[in-house]
Amino acid sequence: MANNGEVAVNIYHTLALVVRHSYVCSNNPSINIPGSEAKSYKRYEACEIHSMSMEFFTYPWMELFFEHETDKYKFAHLAGAIKFLPYGVAIDEFQHFVYENPTITPKERNEAWRKIEKKYLPHIDYGDNLFLENGGFWQKQSHIFSSPSYSIDYTPAQVFPFQFYQKD
């Protein structure tokens, strides 16, 4: 069950994405690529940078929502954003590996994930869960299947908003 902090961040993030997406699509839905019939659309990271930045911009008003638990929320939000980075980088490297090696087997894919995961997230221990210990965790990341390379935009988009974080 989501707590108030998760709900607030999801609301702010979603609203920011809607506002940014509306602006991008209404003002410049596509760019013609010279010498090509193809069009290039705005990339996800532009929307994510704005929406994640808004999460930090709203800090001064969080007390209205969280009251005496505002500091807990801010800590959890900032810690979650920082904690995401090594996982995001692991997903990025994994996707590069998979697309550079299209003929690898499912087992090789899992082995590659586990090796990359150990590099960026060495503290993870799956214990007796052989599926995860053998590299199956990457399969929970739906973006890999539904929007390949989306996560590649997401990691740098998480870094840029840190510029807007202001310690009280």
N, C-alpha and C. Protein backbone atom coordinates (compact mmCIF):
# COMPACT_ATOMS: atom_id res chain seq x y z
N MET A 1 0.84 -1.18 0.00
CA MET A 1 0.00 0.00 0.00
C MET A 1 0.88 1.25 0.00
N ALA A 2 0.58 2.22 -0.83
CA ALA A 2 1.38 3.44 -0.94
C ALA A 2 1.16 4.33 0.28
N ASN A 3 2.25 4.99 0.71
CA ASN A 3 2.11 5.94 1.79
C ASN A 3 1.86 7.34 1.20
N ASN A 4 1.59 8.31 2.05
CA ASN A 4 1.29 9.66 1.56
C ASN A 4 2.42 10.23 0.72
N GLY A 5 3.67 9.92 1.09
CA GLY A 5 4.81 10.44 0.33
C GLY A 5 4.84 9.92 -1.08
N GLU A 6 4.61 8.61 -1.23
CA GLU A 6 4.60 8.02 -2.58
C GLU A 6 3.46 8.61 -3.40
N VAL A 7 2.32 8.79 -2.77
CA VAL A 7 1.17 9.35 -3.47
C VAL A 7 1.47 10.77 -3.93
N ALA A 8 2.06 11.58 -3.05
CA ALA A 8 2.37 12.97 -3.40
C ALA A 8 3.36 13.04 -4.55
N VAL A 9 4.42 12.26 -4.48
CA VAL A 9 5.42 12.27 -5.55
C VAL A 9 4.80 11.82 -6.86
N ASN A 10 3.99 10.78 -6.84
CA ASN A 10 3.35 10.31 -8.06
C ASN A 10 2.42 11.36 -8.64
N ILE A 11 1.70 12.08 -7.79
CA ILE A 11 0.81 13.14 -8.28
C ILE A 11 1.63 14.24 -8.93
N TYR A 12 2.66 14.74 -8.23
CA TYR A 12 3.47 15.83 -8.77
C TYR A 12 4.18 15.40 -10.05
N HIS A 13 4.72 14.20 -10.03
CA HIS A 13 5.45 13.70 -11.19
C HIS A 13 4.52 13.56 -12.39
N THR A 14 3.36 12.99 -12.18
CA THR A 14 2.39 12.80 -13.26
C THR A 14 1.90 14.14 -13.81
N LEU A 15 1.59 15.07 -12.92
CA LEU A 15 1.15 16.39 -13.38
C LEU A 15 2.24 17.08 -14.19
N ALA A 16 3.47 16.98 -13.71
CA ALA A 16 4.58 17.60 -14.44
C ALA A 16 4.75 16.97 -15.82
N LEU A 17 4.62 15.64 -15.91
CA LEU A 17 4.72 14.98 -17.21
C LEU A 17 3.61 15.43 -18.14
N VAL A 18 2.40 15.54 -17.62
CA VAL A 18 1.27 15.97 -18.44
C VAL A 18 1.50 17.37 -18.97
N VAL A 19 1.92 18.27 -18.09
CA VAL A 19 2.17 19.66 -18.50
C VAL A 19 3.28 19.71 -19.54
N ARG A 20 4.38 19.03 -19.28
CA ARG A 20 5.52 19.05 -20.21
C ARG A 20 5.14 18.38 -21.53
N HIS A 21 4.47 17.25 -21.47
CA HIS A 21 4.08 16.55 -22.69
C HIS A 21 3.14 17.42 -23.53
N SER A 22 2.21 18.07 -22.88
CA SER A 22 1.28 18.94 -23.60
C SER A 22 2.03 20.07 -24.29
N TYR A 23 2.99 20.65 -23.58
CA TYR A 23 3.77 21.74 -24.14
C TYR A 23 4.59 21.26 -25.34
N VAL A 24 5.29 20.15 -25.17
CA VAL A 24 6.14 19.62 -26.25
C VAL A 24 5.30 19.29 -27.47
N CYS A 25 4.19 18.59 -27.27
CA CYS A 25 3.38 18.14 -28.40
C CYS A 25 2.66 19.29 -29.09
N SER A 26 2.23 20.27 -28.35
CA SER A 26 1.50 21.36 -28.98
C SER A 26 2.42 22.37 -29.65
N ASN A 27 3.63 22.51 -29.15
CA ASN A 27 4.54 23.51 -29.70
C ASN A 27 5.52 22.96 -30.73
N ASN A 28 5.81 21.70 -30.70
CA ASN A 28 6.74 21.13 -31.65
C ASN A 28 6.63 19.61 -31.61
N PRO A 29 5.55 19.07 -32.18
CA PRO A 29 5.34 17.63 -32.06
C PRO A 29 6.41 16.78 -32.74
N SER A 30 7.05 17.31 -33.75
CA SER A 30 8.10 16.53 -34.40
C SER A 30 9.04 17.48 -35.14
N ILE A 31 10.18 16.93 -35.49
CA ILE A 31 11.19 17.68 -36.22
C ILE A 31 11.50 16.90 -37.48
N ASN A 32 11.45 17.54 -38.62
CA ASN A 32 11.81 16.86 -39.86
C ASN A 32 13.32 16.66 -39.90
N ILE A 33 13.72 15.47 -40.29
CA ILE A 33 15.14 15.17 -40.43
C ILE A 33 15.50 15.40 -41.88
N PRO A 34 16.41 16.36 -42.15
CA PRO A 34 16.76 16.66 -43.54
C PRO A 34 17.19 15.41 -44.32
N GLY A 35 16.69 15.28 -45.54
CA GLY A 35 17.05 14.16 -46.40
C GLY A 35 16.37 12.86 -46.02
N SER A 36 15.36 12.95 -45.21
CA SER A 36 14.70 11.74 -44.75
C SER A 36 13.20 11.99 -44.60
N GLU A 37 12.44 10.93 -44.77
CA GLU A 37 11.00 11.03 -44.53
C GLU A 37 10.70 10.87 -43.04
N ALA A 38 11.72 10.48 -42.29
CA ALA A 38 11.52 10.21 -40.87
C ALA A 38 11.37 11.50 -40.07
N LYS A 39 10.74 11.37 -38.96
CA LYS A 39 10.61 12.49 -38.03
C LYS A 39 11.23 12.06 -36.71
N SER A 40 11.78 13.01 -36.03
CA SER A 40 12.35 12.75 -34.71
C SER A 40 11.47 13.42 -33.67
N TYR A 41 11.02 12.65 -32.70
CA TYR A 41 10.17 13.19 -31.66
C TYR A 41 11.00 13.53 -30.43
N LYS A 42 10.47 14.43 -29.64
CA LYS A 42 11.15 14.81 -28.41
C LYS A 42 11.43 13.56 -27.60
N ARG A 43 12.56 13.56 -26.93
CA ARG A 43 12.95 12.39 -26.15
C ARG A 43 12.34 12.44 -24.76
N TYR A 44 12.20 11.25 -24.18
CA TYR A 44 11.60 11.13 -22.86
C TYR A 44 12.36 11.91 -21.79
N GLU A 45 13.70 11.96 -21.89
CA GLU A 45 14.44 12.55 -20.78
C GLU A 45 14.08 14.02 -20.57
N ALA A 46 13.68 14.71 -21.64
CA ALA A 46 13.28 16.11 -21.48
C ALA A 46 12.05 16.19 -20.58
N CYS A 47 11.10 15.32 -20.79
CA CYS A 47 9.90 15.29 -19.93
C CYS A 47 10.25 14.85 -18.52
N GLU A 48 11.11 13.85 -18.40
CA GLU A 48 11.47 13.35 -17.07
C GLU A 48 12.27 14.38 -16.29
N ILE A 49 13.17 15.09 -16.92
CA ILE A 49 13.95 16.12 -16.22
C ILE A 49 12.99 17.14 -15.61
N HIS A 50 12.02 17.57 -16.37
CA HIS A 50 11.07 18.56 -15.88
C HIS A 50 10.20 18.00 -14.76
N SER A 51 9.70 16.81 -14.93
CA SER A 51 8.81 16.26 -13.90
C SER A 51 9.57 15.95 -12.62
N MET A 52 10.77 15.40 -12.74
CA MET A 52 11.55 15.11 -11.54
C MET A 52 12.01 16.40 -10.86
N SER A 53 12.30 17.42 -11.64
CA SER A 53 12.66 18.72 -11.05
C SER A 53 11.49 19.28 -10.25
N MET A 54 10.28 19.11 -10.78
CA MET A 54 9.12 19.62 -10.06
C MET A 54 8.95 18.93 -8.70
N GLU A 55 9.38 17.68 -8.61
CA GLU A 55 9.31 17.01 -7.31
C GLU A 55 10.13 17.77 -6.28
N PHE A 56 11.29 18.28 -6.69
CA PHE A 56 12.13 19.05 -5.77
C PHE A 56 11.59 20.48 -5.59
N PHE A 57 11.06 21.06 -6.66
CA PHE A 57 10.50 22.41 -6.56
C PHE A 57 9.36 22.48 -5.54
N THR A 58 8.67 21.38 -5.35
CA THR A 58 7.52 21.38 -4.44
C THR A 58 7.91 21.22 -2.98
N TYR A 59 9.18 21.04 -2.68
CA TYR A 59 9.60 20.86 -1.29
C TYR A 59 9.08 21.95 -0.35
N PRO A 60 9.11 23.23 -0.74
CA PRO A 60 8.62 24.25 0.21
C PRO A 60 7.15 24.08 0.61
N TRP A 61 6.38 23.37 -0.18
CA TRP A 61 4.96 23.20 0.12
C TRP A 61 4.63 21.84 0.70
N MET A 62 5.61 20.99 0.84
CA MET A 62 5.36 19.64 1.35
C MET A 62 4.82 19.67 2.78
N GLU A 63 5.18 20.66 3.55
CA GLU A 63 4.68 20.75 4.92
C GLU A 63 3.15 20.85 4.95
N LEU A 64 2.57 21.43 3.92
CA LEU A 64 1.11 21.52 3.86
C LEU A 64 0.48 20.14 3.74
N PHE A 65 1.21 19.22 3.16
CA PHE A 65 0.68 17.87 2.97
C PHE A 65 1.09 16.93 4.12
N PHE A 66 2.37 17.00 4.52
CA PHE A 66 2.90 16.04 5.48
C PHE A 66 2.92 16.54 6.92
N GLU A 67 2.76 17.83 7.08
CA GLU A 67 2.78 18.45 8.41
C GLU A 67 4.04 18.06 9.16
N HIS A 68 3.92 17.41 10.33
CA HIS A 68 5.09 17.11 11.17
C HIS A 68 5.98 16.00 10.60
N GLU A 69 5.57 15.35 9.54
CA GLU A 69 6.39 14.28 8.94
C GLU A 69 7.08 14.73 7.65
N THR A 70 7.16 16.02 7.44
CA THR A 70 7.77 16.56 6.21
C THR A 70 9.22 16.13 6.06
N ASP A 71 9.99 16.20 7.13
CA ASP A 71 11.41 15.83 7.04
C ASP A 71 11.58 14.36 6.67
N LYS A 72 10.69 13.50 7.17
CA LYS A 72 10.73 12.08 6.81
C LYS A 72 10.49 11.91 5.32
N TYR A 73 9.49 12.63 4.81
CA TYR A 73 9.20 12.54 3.38
C TYR A 73 10.39 13.00 2.55
N LYS A 74 10.95 14.16 2.90
CA LYS A 74 12.06 14.70 2.11
C LYS A 74 13.25 13.74 2.12
N PHE A 75 13.53 13.18 3.28
CA PHE A 75 14.63 12.22 3.37
C PHE A 75 14.36 11.01 2.48
N ALA A 76 13.15 10.45 2.59
CA ALA A 76 12.80 9.26 1.80
C ALA A 76 12.85 9.56 0.30
N HIS A 77 12.36 10.73 -0.10
CA HIS A 77 12.35 11.09 -1.51
C HIS A 77 13.77 11.25 -2.04
N LEU A 78 14.60 12.00 -1.33
CA LEU A 78 15.98 12.21 -1.78
C LEU A 78 16.76 10.90 -1.77
N ALA A 79 16.61 10.11 -0.71
CA ALA A 79 17.31 8.83 -0.63
C ALA A 79 16.87 7.89 -1.76
N GLY A 80 15.59 7.88 -2.06
CA GLY A 80 15.10 7.04 -3.15
C GLY A 80 15.66 7.46 -4.50
N ALA A 81 15.77 8.77 -4.71
CA ALA A 81 16.33 9.27 -5.97
C ALA A 81 17.79 8.88 -6.11
N ILE A 82 18.54 8.99 -5.02
CA ILE A 82 19.97 8.62 -5.05
C ILE A 82 20.12 7.11 -5.20
N LYS A 83 19.31 6.37 -4.46
CA LYS A 83 19.39 4.91 -4.49
C LYS A 83 19.05 4.34 -5.87
N PHE A 84 18.23 5.05 -6.62
CA PHE A 84 17.86 4.58 -7.96
C PHE A 84 19.05 4.57 -8.93
N LEU A 85 19.99 5.49 -8.76
CA LEU A 85 21.04 5.68 -9.76
C LEU A 85 21.83 4.43 -10.12
N PRO A 86 22.37 3.66 -9.15
CA PRO A 86 23.12 2.47 -9.58
C PRO A 86 22.24 1.44 -10.30
N TYR A 87 21.00 1.32 -9.89
CA TYR A 87 20.09 0.40 -10.58
C TYR A 87 19.83 0.90 -12.00
N GLY A 88 19.58 2.20 -12.14
CA GLY A 88 19.34 2.78 -13.46
C GLY A 88 20.53 2.59 -14.40
N VAL A 89 21.73 2.77 -13.86
CA VAL A 89 22.94 2.58 -14.67
C VAL A 89 23.08 1.10 -15.06
N ALA A 90 22.74 0.20 -14.15
CA ALA A 90 22.81 -1.23 -14.47
C ALA A 90 21.84 -1.57 -15.60
N ILE A 91 20.62 -1.05 -15.52
CA ILE A 91 19.64 -1.29 -16.59
C ILE A 91 20.17 -0.72 -17.91
N ASP A 92 20.75 0.48 -17.88
CA ASP A 92 21.30 1.08 -19.10
C ASP A 92 22.36 0.19 -19.72
N GLU A 93 23.32 -0.24 -18.90
CA GLU A 93 24.41 -1.07 -19.43
C GLU A 93 23.86 -2.40 -19.96
N PHE A 94 22.91 -2.96 -19.26
CA PHE A 94 22.32 -4.22 -19.69
C PHE A 94 21.63 -4.07 -21.05
N GLN A 95 20.87 -3.02 -21.22
CA GLN A 95 20.20 -2.82 -22.51
C GLN A 95 21.20 -2.64 -23.64
N HIS A 96 22.27 -1.90 -23.38
CA HIS A 96 23.32 -1.76 -24.41
C HIS A 96 23.87 -3.14 -24.78
N PHE A 97 24.16 -3.94 -23.76
CA PHE A 97 24.70 -5.28 -24.01
C PHE A 97 23.73 -6.12 -24.84
N VAL A 98 22.47 -6.12 -24.46
CA VAL A 98 21.47 -6.93 -25.16
C VAL A 98 21.34 -6.51 -26.62
N TYR A 99 21.29 -5.21 -26.88
CA TYR A 99 21.11 -4.76 -28.27
C TYR A 99 22.38 -4.88 -29.09
N GLU A 100 23.54 -4.93 -28.43
CA GLU A 100 24.79 -5.17 -29.15
C GLU A 100 25.01 -6.65 -29.43
N ASN A 101 24.25 -7.51 -28.74
CA ASN A 101 24.39 -8.96 -28.86
C ASN A 101 23.02 -9.60 -29.07
N PRO A 102 22.42 -9.37 -30.22
CA PRO A 102 21.04 -9.83 -30.43
C PRO A 102 20.86 -11.35 -30.49
N THR A 103 21.93 -12.09 -30.64
CA THR A 103 21.79 -13.55 -30.78
C THR A 103 22.05 -14.30 -29.47
N ILE A 104 22.27 -13.60 -28.37
CA ILE A 104 22.54 -14.30 -27.11
C ILE A 104 21.32 -15.07 -26.64
N THR A 105 21.58 -16.10 -25.89
CA THR A 105 20.51 -16.95 -25.37
C THR A 105 19.89 -16.31 -24.12
N PRO A 106 18.72 -16.76 -23.72
CA PRO A 106 18.15 -16.26 -22.47
C PRO A 106 19.08 -16.47 -21.27
N LYS A 107 19.75 -17.61 -21.23
CA LYS A 107 20.70 -17.87 -20.14
C LYS A 107 21.84 -16.85 -20.16
N GLU A 108 22.38 -16.57 -21.34
CA GLU A 108 23.46 -15.58 -21.46
C GLU A 108 22.98 -14.19 -21.05
N ARG A 109 21.73 -13.88 -21.37
CA ARG A 109 21.14 -12.60 -20.98
C ARG A 109 21.09 -12.50 -19.45
N ASN A 110 20.61 -13.55 -18.82
CA ASN A 110 20.54 -13.56 -17.36
C ASN A 110 21.92 -13.48 -16.72
N GLU A 111 22.88 -14.20 -17.29
CA GLU A 111 24.25 -14.15 -16.77
C GLU A 111 24.83 -12.74 -16.90
N ALA A 112 24.57 -12.11 -18.03
CA ALA A 112 25.05 -10.73 -18.23
C ALA A 112 24.43 -9.79 -17.20
N TRP A 113 23.11 -9.93 -16.98
CA TRP A 113 22.46 -9.08 -16.00
C TRP A 113 23.08 -9.26 -14.61
N ARG A 114 23.28 -10.51 -14.21
CA ARG A 114 23.80 -10.76 -12.86
C ARG A 114 25.20 -10.18 -12.70
N LYS A 115 26.00 -10.29 -13.75
CA LYS A 115 27.36 -9.72 -13.70
C LYS A 115 27.29 -8.19 -13.58
N ILE A 116 26.45 -7.57 -14.37
CA ILE A 116 26.29 -6.11 -14.32
C ILE A 116 25.70 -5.70 -12.97
N GLU A 117 24.72 -6.45 -12.51
CA GLU A 117 24.08 -6.16 -11.22
C GLU A 117 25.11 -6.21 -10.09
N LYS A 118 25.99 -7.19 -10.11
CA LYS A 118 27.03 -7.30 -9.07
C LYS A 118 28.01 -6.14 -9.13
N LYS A 119 28.22 -5.60 -10.32
CA LYS A 119 29.13 -4.46 -10.46
C LYS A 119 28.54 -3.21 -9.81
N TYR A 120 27.28 -2.93 -10.06
CA TYR A 120 26.66 -1.69 -9.58
C TYR A 120 25.90 -1.84 -8.26
N LEU A 121 25.46 -3.05 -7.96
CA LEU A 121 24.65 -3.30 -6.76
C LEU A 121 25.24 -4.50 -6.00
N PRO A 122 26.50 -4.39 -5.58
CA PRO A 122 27.17 -5.55 -5.00
C PRO A 122 26.58 -6.03 -3.67
N HIS A 123 25.78 -5.23 -3.05
CA HIS A 123 25.18 -5.59 -1.76
C HIS A 123 23.99 -6.53 -1.90
N ILE A 124 23.49 -6.72 -3.10
CA ILE A 124 22.29 -7.54 -3.27
C ILE A 124 22.63 -9.02 -3.12
N ASP A 125 21.86 -9.68 -2.26
CA ASP A 125 22.00 -11.10 -2.02
C ASP A 125 20.61 -11.72 -2.08
N TYR A 126 20.37 -12.55 -3.05
CA TYR A 126 19.05 -13.15 -3.22
C TYR A 126 18.87 -14.44 -2.43
N GLY A 127 19.90 -14.82 -1.70
CA GLY A 127 19.78 -16.01 -0.85
C GLY A 127 19.45 -17.25 -1.65
N ASP A 128 18.37 -17.90 -1.28
CA ASP A 128 17.98 -19.17 -1.91
C ASP A 128 17.12 -18.99 -3.16
N ASN A 129 16.86 -17.77 -3.56
CA ASN A 129 16.01 -17.55 -4.74
C ASN A 129 16.88 -17.71 -5.99
N LEU A 130 16.88 -18.90 -6.54
CA LEU A 130 17.75 -19.21 -7.68
C LEU A 130 17.39 -18.43 -8.94
N PHE A 131 16.12 -18.15 -9.14
CA PHE A 131 15.72 -17.36 -10.31
C PHE A 131 16.41 -16.00 -10.30
N LEU A 132 16.36 -15.33 -9.17
CA LEU A 132 16.99 -14.01 -9.07
C LEU A 132 18.51 -14.14 -8.99
N GLU A 133 19.00 -15.08 -8.25
CA GLU A 133 20.45 -15.27 -8.12
C GLU A 133 21.08 -15.61 -9.46
N ASN A 134 20.33 -16.23 -10.36
CA ASN A 134 20.84 -16.57 -11.69
C ASN A 134 20.54 -15.48 -12.73
N GLY A 135 20.16 -14.29 -12.26
CA GLY A 135 20.04 -13.16 -13.17
C GLY A 135 18.66 -12.86 -13.69
N GLY A 136 17.62 -13.29 -13.03
CA GLY A 136 16.26 -13.06 -13.53
C GLY A 136 15.63 -11.73 -13.15
N PHE A 137 16.28 -10.97 -12.27
CA PHE A 137 15.65 -9.75 -11.74
C PHE A 137 15.34 -8.72 -12.83
N TRP A 138 16.15 -8.63 -13.85
CA TRP A 138 15.95 -7.63 -14.90
C TRP A 138 14.58 -7.77 -15.56
N GLN A 139 14.01 -8.96 -15.52
CA GLN A 139 12.74 -9.20 -16.20
C GLN A 139 11.57 -8.46 -15.56
N LYS A 140 11.74 -7.96 -14.36
CA LYS A 140 10.66 -7.19 -13.71
C LYS A 140 10.58 -5.76 -14.26
N GLN A 141 11.61 -5.32 -14.98
CA GLN A 141 11.65 -3.96 -15.49
C GLN A 141 10.85 -3.88 -16.79
N SER A 142 9.60 -3.49 -16.68
CA SER A 142 8.69 -3.54 -17.83
C SER A 142 9.13 -2.64 -18.98
N HIS A 143 9.86 -1.56 -18.69
CA HIS A 143 10.31 -0.67 -19.77
C HIS A 143 11.18 -1.40 -20.79
N ILE A 144 11.92 -2.40 -20.35
CA ILE A 144 12.79 -3.13 -21.27
C ILE A 144 11.96 -3.77 -22.38
N PHE A 145 10.75 -4.20 -22.04
CA PHE A 145 9.88 -4.85 -23.01
C PHE A 145 8.96 -3.88 -23.74
N SER A 146 8.39 -2.94 -23.00
CA SER A 146 7.37 -2.06 -23.59
C SER A 146 7.93 -0.81 -24.24
N SER A 147 9.02 -0.28 -23.73
CA SER A 147 9.64 0.94 -24.27
C SER A 147 11.15 0.80 -24.21
N PRO A 148 11.72 -0.03 -25.07
CA PRO A 148 13.17 -0.24 -25.03
C PRO A 148 13.93 1.09 -25.04
N SER A 149 14.92 1.15 -24.23
CA SER A 149 15.81 2.31 -24.08
C SER A 149 15.20 3.47 -23.30
N TYR A 150 13.96 3.33 -22.83
CA TYR A 150 13.36 4.39 -22.02
C TYR A 150 14.19 4.63 -20.77
N SER A 151 14.65 3.56 -20.14
CA SER A 151 15.42 3.71 -18.91
C SER A 151 16.75 4.41 -19.15
N ILE A 152 17.26 4.34 -20.37
CA ILE A 152 18.51 5.03 -20.69
C ILE A 152 18.32 6.53 -20.52
N ASP A 153 17.14 7.03 -20.83
CA ASP A 153 16.84 8.44 -20.62
C ASP A 153 16.57 8.76 -19.15
N TYR A 154 16.07 7.80 -18.43
CA TYR A 154 15.60 8.02 -17.07
C TYR A 154 16.74 8.31 -16.09
N THR A 155 17.88 7.65 -16.23
CA THR A 155 18.97 7.82 -15.28
C THR A 155 19.56 9.23 -15.33
N PRO A 156 19.96 9.74 -16.50
CA PRO A 156 20.45 11.13 -16.49
C PRO A 156 19.36 12.12 -16.09
N ALA A 157 18.13 11.78 -16.43
CA ALA A 157 17.03 12.67 -16.06
C ALA A 157 16.88 12.75 -14.54
N GLN A 158 17.29 11.71 -13.82
CA GLN A 158 17.23 11.74 -12.36
C GLN A 158 18.37 12.57 -11.78
N VAL A 159 19.50 12.64 -12.46
CA VAL A 159 20.65 13.39 -11.95
C VAL A 159 20.43 14.90 -12.05
N PHE A 160 19.95 15.37 -13.16
CA PHE A 160 19.83 16.81 -13.38
C PHE A 160 18.97 17.52 -12.33
N PRO A 161 17.86 16.97 -11.90
CA PRO A 161 17.05 17.67 -10.89
C PRO A 161 17.73 17.86 -9.53
N PHE A 162 18.81 17.10 -9.27
CA PHE A 162 19.50 17.32 -8.00
C PHE A 162 20.00 18.76 -7.88
N GLN A 163 20.16 19.42 -9.00
CA GLN A 163 20.60 20.83 -8.96
C GLN A 163 19.55 21.70 -8.27
N PHE A 164 18.32 21.25 -8.24
CA PHE A 164 17.25 22.05 -7.65
C PHE A 164 16.98 21.70 -6.20
N TYR A 165 17.65 20.67 -5.71
CA TYR A 165 17.48 20.31 -4.31
C TYR A 165 18.16 21.37 -3.45
N GLN A 166 17.45 21.83 -2.47
CA GLN A 166 18.00 22.82 -1.55
C GLN A 166 17.87 22.29 -0.14
N LYS A 167 19.03 22.17 0.51
CA LYS A 167 19.01 21.70 1.89
C LYS A 167 18.58 22.86 2.78
N ASP A 168 17.67 22.56 3.69
CA ASP A 168 17.20 23.61 4.61
C ASP A 168 18.28 24.01 5.59
